[in-house]
Amino acid sequence: MIIIQIAGGLGNQMQQYALYRKLLSLGKDVKLDLSWFSKDIQKNMLAPRSFELPLFVNLPYEEATKEEIDHFLKRGVVSRFVGKVFRKLHIWASENPKVFVETKMYHPEIFDMDDMYITGYFACQKYYGDIMNELKELFSFPPHSDPDLETRNKTIITKMESAPSVSVHIRRGDYLSPENVEILGNIATKEYYDSAMNYFLEKDPNTHFYIFTSDHEFAYENYGDESRYTIVDWNTGKDSLQDLRLMSHCKGNICANSTFSFWGARLNKRPDMEVVRTATMRNNQKCDPDIMHDYWKGWLLVDNKGQFV
């Protein structure tokens, strides 16, 4: 049996689930460990999270039992480490041959594993790019909880599909905090967004951009021209999932260095879709263009200076 830990925000949970589906497609016996979302662990988190995969309609998964998890982990040990963003768990796991912790962008050896507990974020497109059509069907969106806003979303979708449209995801908020800016800041820069938008405008000057961000004040200060931009600011709370739904209907997607916007692009079913993402995810990640284009086939890469790589 293989057990995959589900942890983090929605985008990360979707990636871990995508790896789960990939391993199932290879005939593996795979289950999910959801214990990271227990009250005992979340009460010590700076940014508490909840298990959000059930927000999708009838998403199938099998949860591992306590006994199955204990086959790999001693519960007392893991409860001390599991909330530490894998750092201490990694140190401990180095002494446990039944635990595998992600340490780089892509680990092809995962596909040959059996009898293993696996933990990581698994953002790399190469893990599950070949089953993306299956994932697009599995991640089925519910309607908005507010009927009026559901009507509004449907109206926006019609506009997105009937005219040149590009989603733009801007991640600010926690990325600007002192503990995160050094590792995550200065990647999706103004130069990055300007270059990505100009790429689409050169293809079609009538392109309309849909801005997705939690920092609505920033969006209105910088993208207030309604003839060129629409700021999507009404999908909040558990209905934030609806932003992914809208992104997936655009002809183009401009991603932040954020797994949330990656999924807005991944779930895009349009045959003419084009995706732009940051050349790196973190400041401690080097960009080798050959490797990145292999790991993210078909995606356009732009660095923080606005250069395509």
Foldseek 3Di string as FASTA:
>chain_A
DEEEEQDDEDLLNLLSVLLVVLLVVVVADYAYEDCCLDPLNQVPAPDRYHDQQPQFDPQDGHHDDPVLVVLQDDVVVCSVPVNPQCPVVVVVCVVGPQEDEDDDQDDPCVSVDDNHYYYDRNLFCQSRVVCLVVSLVSRHHDAFPDVVVSVVLVVLLVVQQPDAEEEEEDEDVVCPDPVRVQWANLWCAPLQVVLVVVVVCVVPVQYAYEYEYQPVVVCCVVPVPPSRYHYDHPQDDSSVVVVLVSLLSHQEYEDELDSSSVSSPSSNPDPNHAYEYEQDSTPVDDRDPVVSCVRVPRHWYAGSNSDTD
